[in-house]
Amino acid sequence: MSSARPAAQDSPPISFGAGAHFCLGAALAQLEGAVAFPRLLARFPRMAPAGDPVRRPGLLLRGYETLPIRVGVARLKSWLVSVRRRARRREASRR
């Protein structure tokens, strides 16, 4: 069985199901994606694939098992430093 959908350009995406099987969390997932991805790309503008993605087996919970990415080491280090700094400030303010 081929994994390609015939005439895919003529059919709508089925990522959240349809009809009685439409995903109840679709609106939330779409909103999260609309907010998260632009912020992620703004923080890591050189983000790029770092290997081949591996699809999850089966049809029930489709998606990726792994999706390796490269974000740029210098940018990631500065982000980790800022996260740790904010965590220390929060902890100090609780005392």
C-alpha atoms as a PDB file:
ATOM      1  CA  MET A   1       0.000   0.000   0.000  1.00  0.00           C
ATOM      2  CA  SER A   2       1.389   3.376  -0.962  1.00  0.00           C
ATOM      3  CA  SER A   3       1.681   6.089   1.662  1.00  0.00           C
ATOM      4  CA  ALA A   4       1.067   8.800  -0.938  1.00  0.00           C
ATOM      5  CA  ARG A   5      -2.482  10.069  -1.283  1.00  0.00           C
ATOM      6  CA  PRO A   6      -3.686  10.041  -4.882  1.00  0.00           C
ATOM      7  CA  ALA A   7      -4.924  13.423  -6.084  1.00  0.00           C
ATOM      8  CA  ALA A   8      -3.786  15.012  -2.807  1.00  0.00           C
ATOM      9  CA  GLN A   9      -3.885  18.472  -4.348  1.00  0.00           C
ATOM     10  CA  ASP A  10      -7.646  18.105  -4.835  1.00  0.00           C
ATOM     11  CA  SER A  11      -8.474  16.891  -1.319  1.00  0.00           C
ATOM     12  CA  PRO A  12      -8.471  18.838   1.943  1.00  0.00           C
ATOM     13  CA  PRO A  13      -6.046  17.877   4.725  1.00  0.00           C
ATOM     14  CA  ILE A  14      -7.293  15.175   7.098  1.00  0.00           C
ATOM     15  CA  SER A  15      -4.942  15.942   9.981  1.00  0.00           C
ATOM     16  CA  PHE A  16      -7.758  16.519  12.493  1.00  0.00           C
ATOM     17  CA  GLY A  17     -10.292  14.081  11.059  1.00  0.00           C
ATOM     18  CA  ALA A  18     -13.719  14.995   9.769  1.00  0.00           C
ATOM     19  CA  GLY A  19     -17.396  14.715  10.604  1.00  0.00           C
ATOM     20  CA  ALA A  20     -18.178  12.659  13.701  1.00  0.00           C
ATOM     21  CA  HIS A  21     -14.489  11.842  14.049  1.00  0.00           C
ATOM     22  CA  PHE A  22     -13.283  15.444  14.099  1.00  0.00           C
ATOM     23  CA  CYS A  23     -10.706  16.028  16.841  1.00  0.00           C
ATOM     24  CA  LEU A  24     -12.151  17.945  19.794  1.00  0.00           C
ATOM     25  CA  GLY A  25      -8.731  19.474  20.489  1.00  0.00           C
ATOM     26  CA  ALA A  26      -8.198  20.735  16.935  1.00  0.00           C
ATOM     27  CA  ALA A  27      -8.898  24.402  17.687  1.00  0.00           C
ATOM     28  CA  LEU A  28      -6.531  24.396  20.663  1.00  0.00           C
ATOM     29  CA  ALA A  29      -3.810  22.578  18.695  1.00  0.00           C
ATOM     30  CA  GLN A  30      -4.108  25.055  15.819  1.00  0.00           C
ATOM     31  CA  LEU A  31      -3.958  28.017  18.207  1.00  0.00           C
ATOM     32  CA  GLU A  32      -0.926  26.561  19.994  1.00  0.00           C
ATOM     33  CA  GLY A  33       0.809  26.064  16.651  1.00  0.00           C
ATOM     34  CA  ALA A  34      -0.064  29.586  15.497  1.00  0.00           C
ATOM     35  CA  VAL A  35       1.484  31.022  18.672  1.00  0.00           C
ATOM     36  CA  ALA A  36       4.384  28.624  19.267  1.00  0.00           C
ATOM     37  CA  PHE A  37       5.940  28.218  15.822  1.00  0.00           C
ATOM     38  CA  PRO A  38       6.473  31.923  15.028  1.00  0.00           C
ATOM     39  CA  ARG A  39       8.012  32.436  18.490  1.00  0.00           C
ATOM     40  CA  LEU A  40      10.209  29.367  18.104  1.00  0.00           C
ATOM     41  CA  LEU A  41      11.412  30.524  14.682  1.00  0.00           C
ATOM     42  CA  ALA A  42      12.020  34.060  15.981  1.00  0.00           C
ATOM     43  CA  ARG A  43      14.143  32.725  18.835  1.00  0.00           C
ATOM     44  CA  PHE A  44      16.027  30.219  16.652  1.00  0.00           C
ATOM     45  CA  PRO A  45      16.102  31.703  13.125  1.00  0.00           C
ATOM     46  CA  ARG A  46      18.706  29.198  11.911  1.00  0.00           C
ATOM     47  CA  MET A  47      16.677  26.165  12.988  1.00  0.00           C
ATOM     48  CA  ALA A  48      17.078  23.380  10.452  1.00  0.00           C
ATOM     49  CA  PRO A  49      16.554  19.622  10.140  1.00  0.00           C
ATOM     50  CA  ALA A  50      19.359  17.604  11.746  1.00  0.00           C
ATOM     51  CA  GLY A  51      18.449  14.198  10.399  1.00  0.00           C
ATOM     52  CA  ASP A  52      15.655  12.161   8.957  1.00  0.00           C
ATOM     53  CA  PRO A  53      12.302  12.254  10.775  1.00  0.00           C
ATOM     54  CA  VAL A  54      10.897   8.908  11.890  1.00  0.00           C
ATOM     55  CA  ARG A  55       7.126   8.416  11.626  1.00  0.00           C
ATOM     56  CA  ARG A  56       5.172   6.686  14.371  1.00  0.00           C
ATOM     57  CA  PRO A  57       3.754   3.343  13.292  1.00  0.00           C
ATOM     58  CA  GLY A  58       0.014   2.817  13.114  1.00  0.00           C
ATOM     59  CA  LEU A  59      -2.978   4.932  12.236  1.00  0.00           C
ATOM     60  CA  LEU A  60      -4.428   5.838  15.635  1.00  0.00           C
ATOM     61  CA  LEU A  61      -1.875   8.388  16.838  1.00  0.00           C
ATOM     62  CA  ARG A  62      -0.082   9.514  13.734  1.00  0.00           C
ATOM     63  CA  GLY A  63       2.874  11.826  13.872  1.00  0.00           C
ATOM     64  CA  TYR A  64       6.598  11.620  14.355  1.00  0.00           C
ATOM     65  CA  GLU A  65       8.507   9.423  16.769  1.00  0.00           C
ATOM     66  CA  THR A  66      11.552  11.664  16.300  1.00  0.00           C
ATOM     67  CA  LEU A  67      12.020  14.935  14.443  1.00  0.00           C
ATOM     68  CA  PRO A  68      15.647  15.978  14.941  1.00  0.00           C
ATOM     69  CA  ILE A  69      16.432  19.659  14.551  1.00  0.00           C
ATOM     70  CA  ARG A  70      19.499  21.877  14.868  1.00  0.00           C
ATOM     71  CA  VAL A  71      18.949  25.261  16.494  1.00  0.00           C
ATOM     72  CA  GLY A  72      22.464  26.739  16.541  1.00  0.00           C
ATOM     73  CA  VAL A  73      24.658  26.054  19.543  1.00  0.00           C
ATOM     74  CA  ALA A  74      25.529  29.643  20.470  1.00  0.00           C
ATOM     75  CA  ARG A  75      21.895  30.716  20.388  1.00  0.00           C
ATOM     76  CA  LEU A  76      20.811  27.673  22.409  1.00  0.00           C
ATOM     77  CA  LYS A  77      23.463  28.330  25.081  1.00  0.00           C
ATOM     78  CA  SER A  78      22.376  31.951  25.480  1.00  0.00           C
ATOM     79  CA  TRP A  79      18.755  30.835  25.745  1.00  0.00           C
ATOM     80  CA  LEU A  80      19.625  28.262  28.442  1.00  0.00           C
ATOM     81  CA  VAL A  81      21.548  30.903  30.403  1.00  0.00           C
ATOM     82  CA  SER A  82      18.539  33.252  30.310  1.00  0.00           C
ATOM     83  CA  VAL A  83      16.165  30.466  31.403  1.00  0.00           C
ATOM     84  CA  ARG A  84      18.410  29.583  34.344  1.00  0.00           C
ATOM     85  CA  ARG A  85      18.750  33.253  35.288  1.00  0.00           C
ATOM     86  CA  ARG A  86      14.952  33.709  35.333  1.00  0.00           C
ATOM     87  CA  ALA A  87      14.549  30.530  37.430  1.00  0.00           C
ATOM     88  CA  ARG A  88      17.062  31.819  39.993  1.00  0.00           C
ATOM     89  CA  ARG A  89      15.260  35.169  40.174  1.00  0.00           C
ATOM     90  CA  ARG A  90      11.900  33.456  40.712  1.00  0.00           C
ATOM     91  CA  GLU A  91      13.364  31.285  43.469  1.00  0.00           C
ATOM     92  CA  ALA A  92      15.006  34.274  45.153  1.00  0.00           C
ATOM     93  CA  SER A  93      11.734  36.232  45.098  1.00  0.00           C
ATOM     94  CA  ARG A  94       9.920  33.368  46.848  1.00  0.00           C
ATOM     95  CA  ARG A  95      12.257  33.515  49.853  1.00  0.00           C
END
